[in-house]
Amino acid sequence: MFAGLRQVTTTYLYEDPEHPDRATGSFESVAYTPEDQALLLGLAAYEHQQQHGGMGSCSCGWPIEVAWHSEMDGWFGTLDVVCHVCTARAGKTVTHTIVRDTRPAGHPALPPFVLGVTTTEA
């Protein structure tokens, strides 16, 4: 994310009074200060929210615009898979359930998500 966006500069030190034309050392500017990194990460999070309707994710990890959309009812399926690392650690078969979106790729796009309109009340 941070690569190539800021020019790194080298500053040379001339601290020998007998040879003022000779560099005695140098240092490079940092590519990004912690403040720069925080601002760029904040911008990325803001742009992600704007691009995805600003709703964020449900606690299940799926985008709210998909997970809560009433037209997605019946389009999620589960698959149990064996985790071989967890199985080796536990000394017994360990499975994890993953949730998949089974809505066909060629199916019409979901209508725009509107909280209270395209959601299903419990």
PDB file of N, CA and C in Angstrom:
ATOM      1  N   MET A   1       0.821  -1.197   0.000  1.00  0.00           N
ATOM      2  CA  MET A   1       0.000   0.000   0.000  1.00  0.00           C
ATOM      3  C   MET A   1       0.862   1.257   0.000  1.00  0.00           C
ATOM      4  N   PHE A   2       1.980   1.196   0.712  1.00  0.00           N
ATOM      5  CA  PHE A   2       2.791   2.391   0.858  1.00  0.00           C
ATOM      6  C   PHE A   2       3.898   2.506  -0.180  1.00  0.00           C
ATOM      7  N   ALA A   3       4.087   1.478  -0.985  1.00  0.00           N
ATOM      8  CA  ALA A   3       5.221   1.441  -1.911  1.00  0.00           C
ATOM      9  C   ALA A   3       5.111   2.510  -2.993  1.00  0.00           C
ATOM     10  N   GLY A   4       6.194   3.222  -3.202  1.00  0.00           N
ATOM     11  CA  GLY A   4       6.318   4.132  -4.322  1.00  0.00           C
ATOM     12  C   GLY A   4       5.529   5.417  -4.268  1.00  0.00           C
ATOM     13  N   LEU A   5       4.898   5.723  -3.159  1.00  0.00           N
ATOM     14  CA  LEU A   5       4.075   6.925  -3.115  1.00  0.00           C
ATOM     15  C   LEU A   5       4.810   8.149  -2.576  1.00  0.00           C
ATOM     16  N   ARG A   6       5.944   7.932  -1.948  1.00  0.00           N
ATOM     17  CA  ARG A   6       6.653   9.063  -1.364  1.00  0.00           C
ATOM     18  C   ARG A   6       8.132   8.952  -1.693  1.00  0.00           C
ATOM     19  N   GLN A   7       8.721  10.051  -2.086  1.00  0.00           N
ATOM     20  CA  GLN A   7      10.133  10.083  -2.453  1.00  0.00           C
ATOM     21  C   GLN A   7      10.999  10.067  -1.196  1.00  0.00           C
ATOM     22  N   VAL A   8      11.932   9.123  -1.141  1.00  0.00           N
ATOM     23  CA  VAL A   8      12.901   9.071  -0.050  1.00  0.00           C
ATOM     24  C   VAL A   8      14.090   9.939  -0.458  1.00  0.00           C
ATOM     25  N   THR A   9      14.508  10.818   0.436  1.00  0.00           N
ATOM     26  CA  THR A   9      15.638  11.703   0.129  1.00  0.00           C
ATOM     27  C   THR A   9      16.818  11.385   1.035  1.00  0.00           C
ATOM     28  N   THR A  10      18.022  11.638   0.531  1.00  0.00           N
ATOM     29  CA  THR A  10      19.247  11.452   1.305  1.00  0.00           C
ATOM     30  C   THR A  10      19.824  12.827   1.619  1.00  0.00           C
ATOM     31  N   THR A  11      20.125  13.052   2.884  1.00  0.00           N
ATOM     32  CA  THR A  11      20.744  14.299   3.316  1.00  0.00           C
ATOM     33  C   THR A  11      22.168  13.995   3.748  1.00  0.00           C
ATOM     34  N   TYR A  12      23.103  14.723   3.189  1.00  0.00           N
ATOM     35  CA  TYR A  12      24.517  14.524   3.514  1.00  0.00           C
ATOM     36  C   TYR A  12      24.947  15.521   4.583  1.00  0.00           C
ATOM     37  N   LEU A  13      25.786  15.055   5.496  1.00  0.00           N
ATOM     38  CA  LEU A  13      26.296  15.889   6.580  1.00  0.00           C
ATOM     39  C   LEU A  13      27.722  16.304   6.254  1.00  0.00           C
ATOM     40  N   TYR A  14      28.026  17.571   6.477  1.00  0.00           N
ATOM     41  CA  TYR A  14      29.363  18.127   6.250  1.00  0.00           C
ATOM     42  C   TYR A  14      29.811  18.745   7.566  1.00  0.00           C
ATOM     43  N   GLU A  15      30.362  17.913   8.452  1.00  0.00           N
ATOM     44  CA  GLU A  15      30.659  18.374   9.814  1.00  0.00           C
ATOM     45  C   GLU A  15      32.156  18.444  10.117  1.00  0.00           C
ATOM     46  N   ASP A  16      32.991  18.318   9.104  1.00  0.00           N
ATOM     47  CA  ASP A  16      34.436  18.406   9.321  1.00  0.00           C
ATOM     48  C   ASP A  16      34.890  19.802   8.906  1.00  0.00           C
ATOM     49  N   PRO A  17      35.234  20.664   9.890  1.00  0.00           N
ATOM     50  CA  PRO A  17      35.617  22.034   9.542  1.00  0.00           C
ATOM     51  C   PRO A  17      36.887  22.109   8.701  1.00  0.00           C
ATOM     52  N   GLU A  18      37.763  21.110   8.786  1.00  0.00           N
ATOM     53  CA  GLU A  18      38.987  21.143   7.995  1.00  0.00           C
ATOM     54  C   GLU A  18      38.742  20.737   6.543  1.00  0.00           C
ATOM     55  N   HIS A  19      37.670  19.976   6.304  1.00  0.00           N
ATOM     56  CA  HIS A  19      37.325  19.535   4.949  1.00  0.00           C
ATOM     57  C   HIS A  19      35.821  19.749   4.724  1.00  0.00           C
ATOM     58  N   PRO A  20      35.411  21.006   4.586  1.00  0.00           N
ATOM     59  CA  PRO A  20      33.979  21.282   4.458  1.00  0.00           C
ATOM     60  C   PRO A  20      33.348  20.737   3.182  1.00  0.00           C
ATOM     61  N   ASP A  21      34.167  20.336   2.220  1.00  0.00           N
ATOM     62  CA  ASP A  21      33.627  19.810   0.973  1.00  0.00           C
ATOM     63  C   ASP A  21      33.431  18.294   1.015  1.00  0.00           C
ATOM     64  N   ARG A  22      33.810  17.637   2.093  1.00  0.00           N
ATOM     65  CA  ARG A  22      33.686  16.190   2.200  1.00  0.00           C
ATOM     66  C   ARG A  22      32.519  15.824   3.120  1.00  0.00           C
ATOM     67  N   ALA A  23      31.731  14.914   2.654  1.00  0.00           N
ATOM     68  CA  ALA A  23      30.611  14.446   3.475  1.00  0.00           C
ATOM     69  C   ALA A  23      31.136  13.569   4.595  1.00  0.00           C
ATOM     70  N   THR A  24      30.629  13.815   5.794  1.00  0.00           N
ATOM     71  CA  THR A  24      31.050  13.012   6.949  1.00  0.00           C
ATOM     72  C   THR A  24      30.012  11.958   7.314  1.00  0.00           C
ATOM     73  N   GLY A  25      28.873  12.036   6.705  1.00  0.00           N
ATOM     74  CA  GLY A  25      27.806  11.074   6.985  1.00  0.00           C
ATOM     75  C   GLY A  25      26.579  11.419   6.169  1.00  0.00           C
ATOM     76  N   SER A  26      25.582  10.594   6.318  1.00  0.00           N
ATOM     77  CA  SER A  26      24.327  10.867   5.611  1.00  0.00           C
ATOM     78  C   SER A  26      23.193  10.164   6.338  1.00  0.00           C
ATOM     79  N   PHE A  27      21.981  10.595   6.052  1.00  0.00           N
ATOM     80  CA  PHE A  27      20.794   9.907   6.564  1.00  0.00           C
ATOM     81  C   PHE A  27      19.676  10.041   5.530  1.00  0.00           C
ATOM     82  N   GLU A  28      18.796   9.060   5.524  1.00  0.00           N
ATOM     83  CA  GLU A  28      17.666   9.073   4.590  1.00  0.00           C
ATOM     84  C   GLU A  28      16.392   9.430   5.327  1.00  0.00           C
ATOM     85  N   SER A  29      15.519  10.134   4.630  1.00  0.00           N
ATOM     86  CA  SER A  29      14.211  10.414   5.204  1.00  0.00           C
ATOM     87  C   SER A  29      13.416   9.119   5.251  1.00  0.00           C
ATOM     88  N   VAL A  30      12.504   9.050   6.192  1.00  0.00           N
ATOM     89  CA  VAL A  30      11.658   7.861   6.273  1.00  0.00           C
ATOM     90  C   VAL A  30      10.612   7.940   5.171  1.00  0.00           C
ATOM     91  N   ALA A  31      10.272   6.783   4.615  1.00  0.00           N
ATOM     92  CA  ALA A  31       9.279   6.766   3.546  1.00  0.00           C
ATOM     93  C   ALA A  31       7.932   7.268   4.066  1.00  0.00           C
ATOM     94  N   TYR A  32       7.557   6.796   5.232  1.00  0.00           N
ATOM     95  CA  TYR A  32       6.295   7.221   5.834  1.00  0.00           C
ATOM     96  C   TYR A  32       6.448   7.294   7.337  1.00  0.00           C
ATOM     97  N   THR A  33       5.997   8.382   7.894  1.00  0.00           N
ATOM     98  CA  THR A  33       5.981   8.501   9.351  1.00  0.00           C
ATOM     99  C   THR A  33       4.784   7.704   9.868  1.00  0.00           C
ATOM    100  N   PRO A  34       4.740   7.402  11.144  1.00  0.00           N
ATOM    101  CA  PRO A  34       3.556   6.727  11.688  1.00  0.00           C
ATOM    102  C   PRO A  34       2.263   7.509  11.424  1.00  0.00           C
ATOM    103  N   GLU A  35       2.379   8.834  11.451  1.00  0.00           N
ATOM    104  CA  GLU A  35       1.195   9.659  11.171  1.00  0.00           C
ATOM    105  C   GLU A  35       0.734   9.488   9.722  1.00  0.00           C
ATOM    106  N   ASP A  36       1.714   9.445   8.793  1.00  0.00           N
ATOM    107  CA  ASP A  36       1.390   9.218   7.380  1.00  0.00           C
ATOM    108  C   ASP A  36       0.685   7.877   7.214  1.00  0.00           C
ATOM    109  N   GLN A  37       1.219   6.839   7.854  1.00  0.00           N
ATOM    110  CA  GLN A  37       0.636   5.507   7.735  1.00  0.00           C
ATOM    111  C   GLN A  37      -0.778   5.487   8.284  1.00  0.00           C
ATOM    112  N   ALA A  38      -0.991   6.120   9.434  1.00  0.00           N
ATOM    113  CA  ALA A  38      -2.339   6.161  10.028  1.00  0.00           C
ATOM    114  C   ALA A  38      -3.319   6.882   9.103  1.00  0.00           C
ATOM    115  N   LEU A  39      -2.880   7.993   8.518  1.00  0.00           N
ATOM    116  CA  LEU A  39      -3.754   8.732   7.604  1.00  0.00           C
ATOM    117  C   LEU A  39      -4.084   7.921   6.357  1.00  0.00           C
ATOM    118  N   LEU A  40      -3.086   7.237   5.784  1.00  0.00           N
ATOM    119  CA  LEU A  40      -3.334   6.431   4.589  1.00  0.00           C
ATOM    120  C   LEU A  40      -4.244   5.242   4.888  1.00  0.00           C
ATOM    121  N   LEU A  41      -4.053   4.598   6.034  1.00  0.00           N
ATOM    122  CA  LEU A  41      -4.926   3.481   6.403  1.00  0.00           C
ATOM    123  C   LEU A  41      -6.351   3.965   6.655  1.00  0.00           C
ATOM    124  N   GLY A  42      -6.482   5.122   7.288  1.00  0.00           N
ATOM    125  CA  GLY A  42      -7.809   5.695   7.503  1.00  0.00           C
ATOM    126  C   GLY A  42      -8.488   6.035   6.182  1.00  0.00           C
ATOM    127  N   LEU A  43      -7.739   6.594   5.253  1.00  0.00           N
ATOM    128  CA  LEU A  43      -8.287   6.902   3.936  1.00  0.00           C
ATOM    129  C   LEU A  43      -8.728   5.634   3.221  1.00  0.00           C
ATOM    130  N   ALA A  44      -7.916   4.593   3.290  1.00  0.00           N
ATOM    131  CA  ALA A  44      -8.274   3.325   2.640  1.00  0.00           C
ATOM    132  C   ALA A  44      -9.560   2.753   3.233  1.00  0.00           C
ATOM    133  N   ALA A  45      -9.702   2.815   4.563  1.00  0.00           N
ATOM    134  CA  ALA A  45     -10.921   2.313   5.207  1.00  0.00           C
ATOM    135  C   ALA A  45     -12.131   3.145   4.791  1.00  0.00           C
ATOM    136  N   TYR A  46     -11.966   4.470   4.748  1.00  0.00           N
ATOM    137  CA  TYR A  46     -13.054   5.352   4.329  1.00  0.00           C
ATOM    138  C   TYR A  46     -13.473   5.066   2.886  1.00  0.00           C
ATOM    139  N   GLU A  47     -12.497   4.941   1.984  1.00  0.00           N
ATOM    140  CA  GLU A  47     -12.812   4.668   0.580  1.00  0.00           C
ATOM    141  C   GLU A  47     -13.467   3.304   0.415  1.00  0.00           C
ATOM    142  N   HIS A  48     -13.041   2.319   1.199  1.00  0.00           N
ATOM    143  CA  HIS A  48     -13.666   0.994   1.141  1.00  0.00           C
ATOM    144  C   HIS A  48     -15.133   1.084   1.557  1.00  0.00           C
ATOM    145  N   GLN A  49     -15.417   1.822   2.635  1.00  0.00           N
ATOM    146  CA  GLN A  49     -16.799   1.970   3.075  1.00  0.00           C
ATOM    147  C   GLN A  49     -17.635   2.697   2.031  1.00  0.00           C
ATOM    148  N   GLN A  50     -17.073   3.736   1.414  1.00  0.00           N
ATOM    149  CA  GLN A  50     -17.815   4.473   0.393  1.00  0.00           C
ATOM    150  C   GLN A  50     -18.108   3.592  -0.811  1.00  0.00           C
ATOM    151  N   GLN A  51     -17.142   2.777  -1.191  1.00  0.00           N
ATOM    152  CA  GLN A  51     -17.295   1.899  -2.345  1.00  0.00           C
ATOM    153  C   GLN A  51     -18.321   0.800  -2.079  1.00  0.00           C
ATOM    154  N   HIS A  52     -18.438   0.366  -0.840  1.00  0.00           N
ATOM    155  CA  HIS A  52     -19.332  -0.739  -0.502  1.00  0.00           C
ATOM    156  C   HIS A  52     -20.558  -0.282   0.274  1.00  0.00           C
ATOM    157  N   GLY A  53     -20.996   0.924   0.049  1.00  0.00           N
ATOM    158  CA  GLY A  53     -22.233   1.412   0.644  1.00  0.00           C
ATOM    159  C   GLY A  53     -22.104   1.881   2.080  1.00  0.00           C
ATOM    160  N   GLY A  54     -20.930   1.830   2.636  1.00  0.00           N
ATOM    161  CA  GLY A  54     -20.718   2.363   3.969  1.00  0.00           C
ATOM    162  C   GLY A  54     -21.292   1.534   5.092  1.00  0.00           C
ATOM    163  N   MET A  55     -21.778   0.326   4.817  1.00  0.00           N
ATOM    164  CA  MET A  55     -22.432  -0.445   5.862  1.00  0.00           C
ATOM    165  C   MET A  55     -21.456  -1.319   6.654  1.00  0.00           C
ATOM    166  N   GLY A  56     -20.346  -1.725   6.076  1.00  0.00           N
ATOM    167  CA  GLY A  56     -19.403  -2.574   6.786  1.00  0.00           C
ATOM    168  C   GLY A  56     -19.775  -4.039   6.694  1.00  0.00           C
ATOM    169  N   SER A  57     -19.306  -4.815   7.650  1.00  0.00           N
ATOM    170  CA  SER A  57     -19.525  -6.254   7.638  1.00  0.00           C
ATOM    171  C   SER A  57     -20.373  -6.679   8.820  1.00  0.00           C
ATOM    172  N   CYS A  58     -21.103  -7.759   8.629  1.00  0.00           N
ATOM    173  CA  CYS A  58     -21.841  -8.398   9.702  1.00  0.00           C
ATOM    174  C   CYS A  58     -20.833  -9.158  10.567  1.00  0.00           C
ATOM    175  N   SER A  59     -21.231  -9.603  11.741  1.00  0.00           N
ATOM    176  CA  SER A  59     -20.313 -10.357  12.597  1.00  0.00           C
ATOM    177  C   SER A  59     -19.900 -11.678  11.961  1.00  0.00           C
ATOM    178  N   CYS A  60     -20.645 -12.150  10.949  1.00  0.00           N
ATOM    179  CA  CYS A  60     -20.274 -13.379  10.234  1.00  0.00           C
ATOM    180  C   CYS A  60     -19.145 -13.136   9.250  1.00  0.00           C
ATOM    181  N   GLY A  61     -18.817 -11.867   8.994  1.00  0.00           N
ATOM    182  CA  GLY A  61     -17.737 -11.540   8.075  1.00  0.00           C
ATOM    183  C   GLY A  61     -18.209 -11.162   6.681  1.00  0.00           C
ATOM    184  N   TRP A  62     -19.457 -11.450   6.362  1.00  0.00           N
ATOM    185  CA  TRP A  62     -19.995 -11.097   5.045  1.00  0.00           C
ATOM    186  C   TRP A  62     -20.410  -9.634   5.045  1.00  0.00           C
ATOM    187  N   PRO A  63     -20.306  -8.950   3.894  1.00  0.00           N
ATOM    188  CA  PRO A  63     -20.786  -7.563   3.806  1.00  0.00           C
ATOM    189  C   PRO A  63     -22.280  -7.511   4.143  1.00  0.00           C
ATOM    190  N   ILE A  64     -22.672  -6.530   4.925  1.00  0.00           N
ATOM    191  CA  ILE A  64     -24.068  -6.397   5.349  1.00  0.00           C
ATOM    192  C   ILE A  64     -25.003  -6.328   4.149  1.00  0.00           C
ATOM    193  N   GLU A  65     -24.563  -5.661   3.075  1.00  0.00           N
ATOM    194  CA  GLU A  65     -25.410  -5.498   1.896  1.00  0.00           C
ATOM    195  C   GLU A  65     -25.776  -6.836   1.262  1.00  0.00           C
ATOM    196  N   VAL A  66     -24.981  -7.870   1.522  1.00  0.00           N
ATOM    197  CA  VAL A  66     -25.258  -9.206   1.000  1.00  0.00           C
ATOM    198  C   VAL A  66     -25.912 -10.063   2.079  1.00  0.00           C
ATOM    199  N   ALA A  67     -25.299 -10.102   3.266  1.00  0.00           N
ATOM    200  CA  ALA A  67     -25.765 -10.985   4.341  1.00  0.00           C
ATOM    201  C   ALA A  67     -27.180 -10.664   4.797  1.00  0.00           C
ATOM    202  N   TRP A  68     -27.572  -9.417   4.783  1.00  0.00           N
ATOM    203  CA  TRP A  68     -28.884  -9.020   5.282  1.00  0.00           C
ATOM    204  C   TRP A  68     -29.912  -8.803   4.177  1.00  0.00           C
ATOM    205  N   HIS A  69     -29.497  -8.901   2.927  1.00  0.00           N
ATOM    206  CA  HIS A  69     -30.403  -8.615   1.811  1.00  0.00           C
ATOM    207  C   HIS A  69     -31.481  -9.687   1.722  1.00  0.00           C
ATOM    208  N   SER A  70     -32.735  -9.279   1.686  1.00  0.00           N
ATOM    209  CA  SER A  70     -33.851 -10.238   1.677  1.00  0.00           C
ATOM    210  C   SER A  70     -33.828 -11.158   0.456  1.00  0.00           C
ATOM    211  N   GLU A  71     -33.263 -10.706  -0.655  1.00  0.00           N
ATOM    212  CA  GLU A  71     -33.216 -11.549  -1.845  1.00  0.00           C
ATOM    213  C   GLU A  71     -32.109 -12.604  -1.796  1.00  0.00           C
ATOM    214  N   MET A  72     -31.320 -12.602  -0.722  1.00  0.00           N
ATOM    215  CA  MET A  72     -30.299 -13.631  -0.547  1.00  0.00           C
ATOM    216  C   MET A  72     -30.821 -14.810   0.269  1.00  0.00           C
ATOM    217  N   ASP A  73     -32.060 -14.713   0.746  1.00  0.00           N
ATOM    218  CA  ASP A  73     -32.647 -15.804   1.522  1.00  0.00           C
ATOM    219  C   ASP A  73     -32.645 -17.084   0.685  1.00  0.00           C
ATOM    220  N   GLY A  74     -32.036 -18.128   1.215  1.00  0.00           N
ATOM    221  CA  GLY A  74     -31.967 -19.411   0.525  1.00  0.00           C
ATOM    222  C   GLY A  74     -30.758 -19.572  -0.379  1.00  0.00           C
ATOM    223  N   TRP A  75     -29.933 -18.525  -0.514  1.00  0.00           N
ATOM    224  CA  TRP A  75     -28.783 -18.592  -1.405  1.00  0.00           C
ATOM    225  C   TRP A  75     -27.464 -18.830  -0.681  1.00  0.00           C
ATOM    226  N   PHE A  76     -27.512 -19.198   0.584  1.00  0.00           N
ATOM    227  CA  PHE A  76     -26.286 -19.520   1.302  1.00  0.00           C
ATOM    228  C   PHE A  76     -26.292 -20.996   1.642  1.00  0.00           C
ATOM    229  N   GLY A  77     -25.181 -21.647   1.413  1.00  0.00           N
ATOM    230  CA  GLY A  77     -25.048 -23.060   1.746  1.00  0.00           C
ATOM    231  C   GLY A  77     -23.793 -23.263   2.574  1.00  0.00           C
ATOM    232  N   THR A  78     -23.751 -24.371   3.282  1.00  0.00           N
ATOM    233  CA  THR A  78     -22.585 -24.647   4.114  1.00  0.00           C
ATOM    234  C   THR A  78     -21.812 -25.839   3.561  1.00  0.00           C
ATOM    235  N   LEU A  79     -20.564 -25.873   3.900  1.00  0.00           N
ATOM    236  CA  LEU A  79     -19.686 -26.971   3.501  1.00  0.00           C
ATOM    237  C   LEU A  79     -18.773 -27.252   4.682  1.00  0.00           C
ATOM    238  N   ASP A  80     -18.736 -28.507   5.136  1.00  0.00           N
ATOM    239  CA  ASP A  80     -17.832 -28.902   6.214  1.00  0.00           C
ATOM    240  C   ASP A  80     -16.537 -29.400   5.591  1.00  0.00           C
ATOM    241  N   VAL A  81     -15.429 -28.840   6.046  1.00  0.00           N
ATOM    242  CA  VAL A  81     -14.126 -29.223   5.524  1.00  0.00           C
ATOM    243  C   VAL A  81     -13.219 -29.640   6.674  1.00  0.00           C
ATOM    244  N   VAL A  82     -12.301 -30.559   6.390  1.00  0.00           N
ATOM    245  CA  VAL A  82     -11.330 -31.008   7.387  1.00  0.00           C
ATOM    246  C   VAL A  82     -10.129 -30.078   7.333  1.00  0.00           C
ATOM    247  N   CYS A  83      -9.716 -29.575   8.491  1.00  0.00           N
ATOM    248  CA  CYS A  83      -8.484 -28.789   8.577  1.00  0.00           C
ATOM    249  C   CYS A  83      -7.400 -29.753   9.032  1.00  0.00           C
ATOM    250  N   HIS A  84      -6.438 -29.980   8.172  1.00  0.00           N
ATOM    251  CA  HIS A  84      -5.397 -30.951   8.475  1.00  0.00           C
ATOM    252  C   HIS A  84      -4.415 -30.444   9.531  1.00  0.00           C
ATOM    253  N   VAL A  85      -4.228 -29.142   9.632  1.00  0.00           N
ATOM    254  CA  VAL A  85      -3.365 -28.581  10.676  1.00  0.00           C
ATOM    255  C   VAL A  85      -4.020 -28.753  12.040  1.00  0.00           C
ATOM    256  N   CYS A  86      -5.301 -28.360  12.149  1.00  0.00           N
ATOM    257  CA  CYS A  86      -6.023 -28.515  13.417  1.00  0.00           C
ATOM    258  C   CYS A  86      -6.147 -29.988  13.803  1.00  0.00           C
ATOM    259  N   THR A  87      -6.332 -30.838  12.809  1.00  0.00           N
ATOM    260  CA  THR A  87      -6.424 -32.276  13.051  1.00  0.00           C
ATOM    261  C   THR A  87      -5.111 -32.796  13.634  1.00  0.00           C
ATOM    262  N   ALA A  88      -3.984 -32.378  13.073  1.00  0.00           N
ATOM    263  CA  ALA A  88      -2.679 -32.817  13.581  1.00  0.00           C
ATOM    264  C   ALA A  88      -2.455 -32.315  14.999  1.00  0.00           C
ATOM    265  N   ARG A  89      -2.833 -31.093  15.281  1.00  0.00           N
ATOM    266  CA  ARG A  89      -2.646 -30.525  16.622  1.00  0.00           C
ATOM    267  C   ARG A  89      -3.534 -31.218  17.648  1.00  0.00           C
ATOM    268  N   ALA A  90      -4.786 -31.497  17.267  1.00  0.00           N
ATOM    269  CA  ALA A  90      -5.753 -32.065  18.214  1.00  0.00           C
ATOM    270  C   ALA A  90      -5.628 -33.575  18.348  1.00  0.00           C
ATOM    271  N   GLY A  91      -5.017 -34.207  17.376  1.00  0.00           N
ATOM    272  CA  GLY A  91      -4.913 -35.660  17.406  1.00  0.00           C
ATOM    273  C   GLY A  91      -6.221 -36.347  17.053  1.00  0.00           C
ATOM    274  N   LYS A  92      -7.162 -35.602  16.524  1.00  0.00           N
ATOM    275  CA  LYS A  92      -8.444 -36.133  16.057  1.00  0.00           C
ATOM    276  C   LYS A  92      -8.936 -35.239  14.927  1.00  0.00           C
ATOM    277  N   THR A  93      -9.839 -35.739  14.132  1.00  0.00           N
ATOM    278  CA  THR A  93     -10.334 -34.982  12.984  1.00  0.00           C
ATOM    279  C   THR A  93     -11.067 -33.724  13.444  1.00  0.00           C
ATOM    280  N   VAL A  94     -10.640 -32.607  12.908  1.00  0.00           N
ATOM    281  CA  VAL A  94     -11.267 -31.322  13.206  1.00  0.00           C
ATOM    282  C   VAL A  94     -11.840 -30.768  11.915  1.00  0.00           C
ATOM    283  N   THR A  95     -13.108 -30.424  11.932  1.00  0.00           N
ATOM    284  CA  THR A  95     -13.752 -29.848  10.755  1.00  0.00           C
ATOM    285  C   THR A  95     -14.203 -28.429  11.046  1.00  0.00           C
ATOM    286  N   HIS A  96     -14.297 -27.659   9.995  1.00  0.00           N
ATOM    287  CA  HIS A  96     -14.800 -26.286  10.074  1.00  0.00           C
ATOM    288  C   HIS A  96     -15.926 -26.157   9.058  1.00  0.00           C
ATOM    289  N   THR A  97     -16.922 -25.407   9.414  1.00  0.00           N
ATOM    290  CA  THR A  97     -18.025 -25.154   8.508  1.00  0.00           C
ATOM    291  C   THR A  97     -17.816 -23.798   7.843  1.00  0.00           C
ATOM    292  N   ILE A  98     -17.816 -23.793   6.529  1.00  0.00           N
ATOM    293  CA  ILE A  98     -17.721 -22.534   5.807  1.00  0.00           C
ATOM    294  C   ILE A  98     -19.061 -22.258   5.128  1.00  0.00           C
ATOM    295  N   VAL A  99     -19.359 -21.002   4.971  1.00  0.00           N
ATOM    296  CA  VAL A  99     -20.608 -20.588   4.328  1.00  0.00           C
ATOM    297  C   VAL A  99     -20.265 -20.096   2.937  1.00  0.00           C
ATOM    298  N   ARG A 100     -21.029 -20.569   1.954  1.00  0.00           N
ATOM    299  CA  ARG A 100     -20.796 -20.176   0.569  1.00  0.00           C
ATOM    300  C   ARG A 100     -22.046 -19.512   0.006  1.00  0.00           C
ATOM    301  N   ASP A 101     -21.815 -18.556  -0.859  1.00  0.00           N
ATOM    302  CA  ASP A 101     -22.893 -17.911  -1.611  1.00  0.00           C
ATOM    303  C   ASP A 101     -23.179 -18.817  -2.803  1.00  0.00           C
ATOM    304  N   THR A 102     -24.367 -19.417  -2.839  1.00  0.00           N
ATOM    305  CA  THR A 102     -24.702 -20.351  -3.917  1.00  0.00           C
ATOM    306  C   THR A 102     -25.531 -19.697  -5.015  1.00  0.00           C
ATOM    307  N   ARG A 103     -25.737 -18.405  -4.914  1.00  0.00           N
ATOM    308  CA  ARG A 103     -26.489 -17.694  -5.954  1.00  0.00           C
ATOM    309  C   ARG A 103     -25.703 -17.779  -7.256  1.00  0.00           C
ATOM    310  N   PRO A 104     -26.314 -18.240  -8.356  1.00  0.00           N
ATOM    311  CA  PRO A 104     -25.587 -18.395  -9.626  1.00  0.00           C
ATOM    312  C   PRO A 104     -25.021 -17.069 -10.126  1.00  0.00           C
ATOM    313  N   ALA A 105     -23.841 -17.155 -10.728  1.00  0.00           N
ATOM    314  CA  ALA A 105     -23.171 -15.958 -11.230  1.00  0.00           C
ATOM    315  C   ALA A 105     -24.011 -15.233 -12.278  1.00  0.00           C
ATOM    316  N   GLY A 106     -24.783 -15.959 -13.076  1.00  0.00           N
ATOM    317  CA  GLY A 106     -25.581 -15.338 -14.118  1.00  0.00           C
ATOM    318  C   GLY A 106     -26.909 -14.789 -13.624  1.00  0.00           C
ATOM    319  N   HIS A 107     -27.200 -14.963 -12.348  1.00  0.00           N
ATOM    320  CA  HIS A 107     -28.462 -14.480 -11.768  1.00  0.00           C
ATOM    321  C   HIS A 107     -28.463 -12.961 -11.782  1.00  0.00           C
ATOM    322  N   PRO A 108     -29.621 -12.328 -11.968  1.00  0.00           N
ATOM    323  CA  PRO A 108     -29.658 -10.854 -11.979  1.00  0.00           C
ATOM    324  C   PRO A 108     -29.046 -10.257 -10.707  1.00  0.00           C
ATOM    325  N   ALA A 109     -28.460  -9.094 -10.849  1.00  0.00           N
ATOM    326  CA  ALA A 109     -27.842  -8.414  -9.713  1.00  0.00           C
ATOM    327  C   ALA A 109     -28.881  -8.104  -8.640  1.00  0.00           C
ATOM    328  N   LEU A 110     -28.411  -8.059  -7.404  1.00  0.00           N
ATOM    329  CA  LEU A 110     -29.306  -7.704  -6.302  1.00  0.00           C
ATOM    330  C   LEU A 110     -29.753  -6.256  -6.464  1.00  0.00           C
ATOM    331  N   PRO A 111     -31.011  -5.982  -6.127  1.00  0.00           N
ATOM    332  CA  PRO A 111     -31.422  -4.575  -6.110  1.00  0.00           C
ATOM    333  C   PRO A 111     -30.645  -3.828  -5.021  1.00  0.00           C
ATOM    334  N   PRO A 112     -30.536  -2.525  -5.104  1.00  0.00           N
ATOM    335  CA  PRO A 112     -29.799  -1.774  -4.090  1.00  0.00           C
ATOM    336  C   PRO A 112     -30.301  -2.104  -2.680  1.00  0.00           C
ATOM    337  N   PHE A 113     -29.347  -2.224  -1.758  1.00  0.00           N
ATOM    338  CA  PHE A 113     -29.668  -2.537  -0.374  1.00  0.00           C
ATOM    339  C   PHE A 113     -30.197  -1.304   0.328  1.00  0.00           C
ATOM    340  N   VAL A 114     -31.363  -1.430   0.959  1.00  0.00           N
ATOM    341  CA  VAL A 114     -31.939  -0.348   1.731  1.00  0.00           C
ATOM    342  C   VAL A 114     -32.401  -0.936   3.057  1.00  0.00           C
ATOM    343  N   LEU A 115     -31.758  -0.505   4.140  1.00  0.00           N
ATOM    344  CA  LEU A 115     -32.099  -1.005   5.465  1.00  0.00           C
ATOM    345  C   LEU A 115     -33.580  -0.756   5.748  1.00  0.00           C
ATOM    346  N   GLY A 116     -34.286  -1.809   6.128  1.00  0.00           N
ATOM    347  CA  GLY A 116     -35.710  -1.702   6.419  1.00  0.00           C
ATOM    348  C   GLY A 116     -36.593  -1.976   5.214  1.00  0.00           C
ATOM    349  N   VAL A 117     -36.022  -1.951   4.014  1.00  0.00           N
ATOM    350  CA  VAL A 117     -36.786  -2.223   2.783  1.00  0.00           C
ATOM    351  C   VAL A 117     -36.368  -3.560   2.207  1.00  0.00           C
ATOM    352  N   THR A 118     -35.068  -3.766   2.024  1.00  0.00           N
ATOM    353  CA  THR A 118     -34.596  -5.023   1.461  1.00  0.00           C
ATOM    354  C   THR A 118     -34.018  -5.930   2.536  1.00  0.00           C
ATOM    355  N   THR A 119     -34.498  -5.778   3.769  1.00  0.00           N
ATOM    356  CA  THR A 119     -34.099  -6.668   4.854  1.00  0.00           C
ATOM    357  C   THR A 119     -35.314  -7.468   5.296  1.00  0.00           C
ATOM    358  N   THR A 120     -35.066  -8.582   5.966  1.00  0.00           N
ATOM    359  CA  THR A 120     -36.142  -9.429   6.462  1.00  0.00           C
ATOM    360  C   THR A 120     -36.202  -9.294   7.964  1.00  0.00           C
ATOM    361  N   GLU A 121     -37.372  -8.917   8.484  1.00  0.00           N
ATOM    362  CA  GLU A 121     -37.512  -8.777   9.940  1.00  0.00           C
ATOM    363  C   GLU A 121     -37.601 -10.139  10.587  1.00  0.00           C
ATOM    364  N   ALA A 122     -37.032 -10.250  11.774  1.00  0.00           N
ATOM    365  CA  ALA A 122     -37.050 -11.532  12.509  1.00  0.00           C
ATOM    366  C   ALA A 122     -38.401 -11.766  13.159  1.00  0.00           C
TER     367      ALA A 122
END
